[in-house]
Protein backbone atom coordinates (compact mmCIF):
# COMPACT_ATOMS: atom_id res chain seq x y z
CA MET A 1 -37.08 -7.69 11.29
CA THR A 2 -35.43 -9.25 14.34
CA ASN A 3 -32.79 -11.96 14.53
CA THR A 4 -30.14 -12.84 17.09
CA LEU A 5 -26.40 -13.13 17.44
CA SER A 6 -24.17 -14.49 20.19
CA ILE A 7 -20.50 -13.63 20.80
CA ASP A 8 -18.22 -16.45 21.87
CA ARG A 9 -15.90 -15.85 24.84
CA ARG A 10 -12.92 -16.18 22.50
CA TYR A 11 -13.72 -12.68 21.25
CA ARG A 12 -13.53 -10.99 24.63
CA GLY A 13 -11.85 -7.60 25.00
CA PRO A 14 -12.17 -7.01 28.73
CA LEU A 15 -12.36 -10.30 30.61
CA THR A 16 -16.16 -10.30 30.83
CA SER A 17 -17.37 -8.60 27.63
CA ALA A 18 -16.70 -8.64 23.90
CA ASN A 19 -13.98 -6.74 22.11
CA GLY A 20 -15.62 -3.53 20.90
CA GLY A 21 -14.26 -3.71 17.36
CA TYR A 22 -15.33 -7.33 16.92
CA ALA A 23 -18.85 -6.66 18.23
CA SER A 24 -19.10 -3.53 16.08
CA GLY A 25 -18.02 -5.48 13.01
CA LEU A 26 -20.70 -8.09 13.58
CA LEU A 27 -23.42 -5.47 13.90
CA ALA A 28 -22.08 -3.41 10.95
CA GLN A 29 -22.82 -6.32 8.61
CA GLU A 30 -26.51 -5.85 9.34
CA VAL A 31 -26.40 -2.35 7.78
CA ASP A 32 -26.66 -1.92 4.01
CA ALA A 33 -23.80 0.56 3.58
CA ASP A 34 -20.10 0.61 2.75
CA THR A 35 -19.29 2.83 5.74
CA VAL A 36 -20.98 2.16 9.06
CA GLU A 37 -20.96 3.97 12.41
CA VAL A 38 -21.43 1.79 15.48
CA SER A 39 -22.05 3.37 18.87
CA LEU A 40 -21.50 1.13 21.88
CA ARG A 41 -23.85 1.91 24.77
CA LEU A 42 -23.01 -1.02 27.07
CA PRO A 43 -20.25 -3.63 27.21
CA PRO A 44 -21.38 -6.33 24.73
CA PRO A 45 -22.24 -9.49 26.69
CA LEU A 46 -20.66 -12.82 25.88
CA GLU A 47 -22.23 -16.18 25.14
CA ARG A 48 -25.89 -15.31 25.22
CA PRO A 49 -28.37 -14.44 22.45
CA LEU A 50 -28.62 -10.72 21.66
CA ALA A 51 -31.46 -9.38 19.53
CA VAL A 52 -30.66 -7.56 16.28
CA VAL A 53 -33.51 -5.19 15.42
CA ASP A 54 -33.95 -3.20 12.20
CA GLU A 55 -35.43 0.26 12.77
CA ALA A 56 -37.48 2.20 10.20
CA ASP A 57 -34.90 5.03 10.12
CA GLY A 58 -32.14 2.72 8.88
CA ARG A 59 -30.51 2.07 12.24
CA VAL A 60 -29.87 -1.44 13.51
CA LEU A 61 -30.04 -2.02 17.26
CA LEU A 62 -28.33 -4.69 19.36
CA LEU A 63 -30.40 -5.48 22.46
CA ASP A 64 -29.80 -7.53 25.58
CA GLY A 65 -33.39 -7.94 26.69
CA ASP A 66 -34.63 -4.35 26.93
CA ALA A 67 -31.13 -2.89 27.31
CA LEU A 68 -29.55 -1.16 24.29
CA VAL A 69 -26.04 -2.57 23.81
CA ALA A 70 -25.16 -0.87 20.51
CA GLU A 71 -26.64 0.81 17.47
CA ALA A 72 -25.34 1.00 13.91
CA ARG A 73 -26.19 3.25 10.97
CA PRO A 74 -24.85 4.28 7.55
CA ALA A 75 -22.24 7.02 7.83
CA GLU A 76 -19.51 9.04 6.15
CA LEU A 77 -15.83 8.82 7.02
CA ASP A 78 -13.58 11.90 7.13
CA VAL A 79 -10.09 10.57 7.88
CA THR A 80 -6.99 10.33 5.70
CA PRO A 81 -4.67 7.45 6.66
CA PRO A 82 -1.02 8.42 7.15
CA ARG A 83 1.94 7.06 5.21
CA PRO A 84 2.26 3.44 6.36
CA PRO A 85 5.46 2.06 7.84
CA SER A 86 6.88 -1.03 6.19
CA PHE A 87 6.10 -4.45 7.59
CA GLU A 88 9.62 -4.53 9.02
CA GLU A 89 9.24 -1.08 10.64
CA ALA A 90 5.91 -2.12 12.14
CA ASP A 91 7.49 -5.30 13.48
CA GLU A 92 10.31 -3.30 15.08
CA ALA A 93 7.78 -0.94 16.68
CA SER A 94 5.66 -3.76 18.08
CA ARG A 95 8.68 -5.34 19.76
CA SER A 96 9.45 -2.22 21.81
CA ALA A 97 8.69 -2.43 25.51
CA PRO A 98 5.16 -1.33 26.43
CA THR A 99 4.81 1.67 28.71
CA GLY A 100 1.85 1.86 31.10
CA TRP A 101 -0.06 -1.22 29.93
CA GLY A 102 -3.30 -0.27 31.67
CA SER A 103 -5.88 -2.32 33.50
CA PRO A 104 -5.26 -6.08 33.90
CA GLY A 105 -8.83 -6.37 32.65
CA PHE A 106 -7.55 -5.92 29.09
CA ALA A 107 -4.69 -8.41 29.37
CA GLU A 108 -6.50 -11.15 27.41
CA CYS A 109 -8.05 -8.90 24.76
CA PHE A 110 -8.72 -10.79 21.53
CA VAL A 111 -6.85 -8.10 19.58
CA CYS A 112 -3.97 -6.78 21.69
CA GLY A 113 -3.70 -9.13 24.66
CA THR A 114 -1.80 -12.34 25.32
CA ARG A 115 -4.15 -15.31 25.44
CA PRO A 116 -3.59 -18.53 27.37
CA GLU A 117 -5.33 -20.26 24.45
CA HIS A 118 -3.10 -18.48 21.90
CA ASP A 119 -6.20 -17.83 19.81
CA GLY A 120 -6.07 -14.02 19.62
CA LEU A 121 -4.66 -11.66 17.00
CA GLU A 122 -1.84 -10.35 19.25
CA ILE A 123 -1.63 -7.02 17.41
CA LYS A 124 0.57 -5.03 19.78
CA THR A 125 0.94 -1.55 18.30
CA ARG A 126 3.66 0.76 19.59
CA LEU A 127 5.10 4.09 18.49
CA VAL A 128 7.03 3.89 15.22
CA PRO A 129 10.66 4.94 15.82
CA GLY A 130 11.76 8.07 14.00
CA ARG A 131 8.28 9.44 13.31
CA GLU A 132 6.88 12.62 14.83
CA ASP A 133 3.21 12.15 13.91
CA GLY A 134 2.33 9.86 16.84
CA VAL A 135 1.68 6.84 14.60
CA VAL A 136 1.62 3.46 16.31
CA ALA A 137 1.97 0.27 14.29
CA ALA A 138 2.23 -3.50 14.38
CA PRO A 139 2.43 -6.26 11.78
CA TRP A 140 -0.40 -8.72 11.27
CA VAL A 141 -0.25 -11.85 9.16
CA ALA A 142 -3.95 -12.10 8.37
CA HIS A 143 -5.74 -15.22 9.52
CA GLY A 144 -9.31 -16.13 10.29
CA VAL A 145 -10.28 -13.39 7.84
CA ARG A 146 -13.87 -12.19 8.09
CA PRO A 147 -15.33 -8.65 8.16
CA GLU A 148 -15.68 -8.69 11.95
CA THR A 149 -12.05 -9.85 12.31
CA VAL A 150 -10.90 -6.87 10.24
CA TRP A 151 -12.97 -4.48 12.37
CA ALA A 152 -11.30 -6.05 15.41
CA ALA A 153 -7.83 -5.76 13.87
CA ILE A 154 -8.23 -1.97 13.51
CA ASP A 155 -9.78 -1.48 16.95
CA CYS A 156 -7.18 -1.38 19.72
CA SER A 157 -4.52 0.62 17.86
CA GLY A 158 -6.69 3.69 18.47
CA ALA A 159 -6.37 3.28 22.24
CA TYR A 160 -2.61 2.99 21.92
CA ALA A 161 -2.43 6.02 19.64
CA VAL A 162 -4.21 8.34 22.07
CA HIS A 163 -1.80 7.25 24.83
CA SER A 164 1.46 7.52 22.87
CA GLY A 165 1.94 3.78 22.53
CA ALA A 166 0.47 2.64 25.86
CA ARG A 167 -2.91 0.90 26.19
CA GLY A 168 -4.18 3.06 29.03
CA GLU A 169 -7.76 2.49 30.18
CA PRO A 170 -10.09 4.27 27.73
CA VAL A 171 -13.09 2.32 26.42
CA LEU A 172 -14.38 2.36 22.87
CA ALA A 173 -17.59 4.37 22.53
CA ARG A 174 -17.96 4.76 18.77
CA MET A 175 -16.27 3.33 15.68
CA THR A 176 -16.98 4.44 12.13
CA ALA A 177 -15.29 2.15 9.63
CA ARG A 178 -15.09 1.10 6.01
CA VAL A 179 -13.59 -2.17 4.79
CA VAL A 180 -12.25 -1.67 1.25
CA ARG A 181 -11.30 -5.32 0.82
CA LEU A 182 -10.60 -8.26 3.07
CA PRO A 183 -6.95 -9.30 3.25
CA ASP A 184 -6.00 -12.62 1.77
CA GLU A 185 -5.43 -15.42 4.26
CA GLY A 186 -1.73 -15.23 5.16
CA GLU A 187 -1.25 -11.73 3.71
CA ARG A 188 1.42 -9.64 5.46
CA CYS A 189 -0.44 -6.57 6.69
CA VAL A 190 0.35 -3.51 8.79
CA VAL A 191 -2.03 -2.05 11.38
CA VAL A 192 -1.63 1.62 12.31
CA GLY A 193 -3.28 4.09 14.65
CA TRP A 194 -2.86 7.83 15.05
CA PRO A 195 -4.23 10.45 17.45
CA ILE A 196 -6.68 13.04 16.11
CA GLU A 197 -7.80 15.19 19.04
CA ARG A 198 -8.63 15.25 22.73
CA ASP A 199 -11.70 16.92 24.23
CA GLY A 200 -11.61 16.35 27.98
CA ARG A 201 -12.40 12.67 28.50
CA LYS A 202 -13.19 12.21 24.80
CA LEU A 203 -10.23 10.90 22.80
CA HIS A 204 -10.42 10.71 19.01
CA ALA A 205 -8.22 8.47 16.89
CA GLY A 206 -7.90 7.04 13.42
CA THR A 207 -6.83 3.52 12.52
CA ALA A 208 -6.11 1.68 9.29
CA LEU A 209 -5.10 -1.68 7.89
CA TYR A 210 -2.66 -1.82 4.97
CA GLY A 211 -2.12 -4.76 2.66
CA ALA A 212 1.13 -6.30 1.47
CA SER A 213 1.41 -3.76 -1.37
CA GLY A 214 0.71 -0.78 0.90
CA ASP A 215 -2.92 -0.35 -0.18
CA VAL A 216 -5.53 0.64 2.40
CA LEU A 217 -7.71 -2.36 3.23
CA ALA A 218 -9.76 -0.78 6.03
CA VAL A 219 -9.93 2.52 7.85
CA SER A 220 -11.78 3.89 10.87
CA ARG A 221 -12.36 6.91 13.05
CA GLN A 222 -12.92 6.19 16.73
CA LEU A 223 -14.14 7.84 19.89
CA TRP A 224 -12.63 6.56 23.14
CA ILE A 225 -13.78 7.63 26.61
CA GLU A 226 -11.26 8.03 29.41
CA PRO A 227 -12.39 6.81 32.85
CA ARG A 228 -13.49 9.79 34.91
CA GLU A 229 -10.72 9.42 37.49
CA ARG A 230 -8.12 9.33 34.66
CA GLN A 231 -9.19 12.62 33.04
CA THR A 232 -6.38 15.06 32.32
CA ALA A 233 -6.51 18.67 31.28
CA ALA A 234 -7.28 19.19 27.59
């Protein structure tokens, strides 16, 4: 079966393509599974119809003409979220000065950027003071709650985690996520990210969303790719 989806410019990550978590969350809903792995092959285009194609092996493809933009499939998830900071601790962390923001191309990201329209999530995760596990965190008062919004909310914190609280310039290549429950509209949540491992240009991170009572609402494992000129020794 084939249908289409289109991503509004509001949900941009880089200036000219969709936020990876948001696009992944849209495609994940086409897969009949609680946990879904989405691999991004190309930057998801904005504001034009993209074909969603069901494959016989259970994968779902996102196509821009003949070009493969992303593919999704049922998966398992092997991460354990860390102890969450409180909402107040996350708020304190997010207010710390950013170090090494990264490319101006991410400055208006739907998740972590500052938007002239003020229509983004503005989840600005930073290192949590006093912790030695590399956890980054930010508060989020949930609004516009949909599955794809939750996938977006737990996207960018992975990039900050692998760069010790700075955005850097890695791009999201794969996101495996499970949404346990959607937050209530207006619920005071905490978003966290933590580094898992580095393998050359491949950076692995975990992210999670916690509800007002500290319960895990969503969790992901991510693969980020460092630009070739930015590679550092493993």
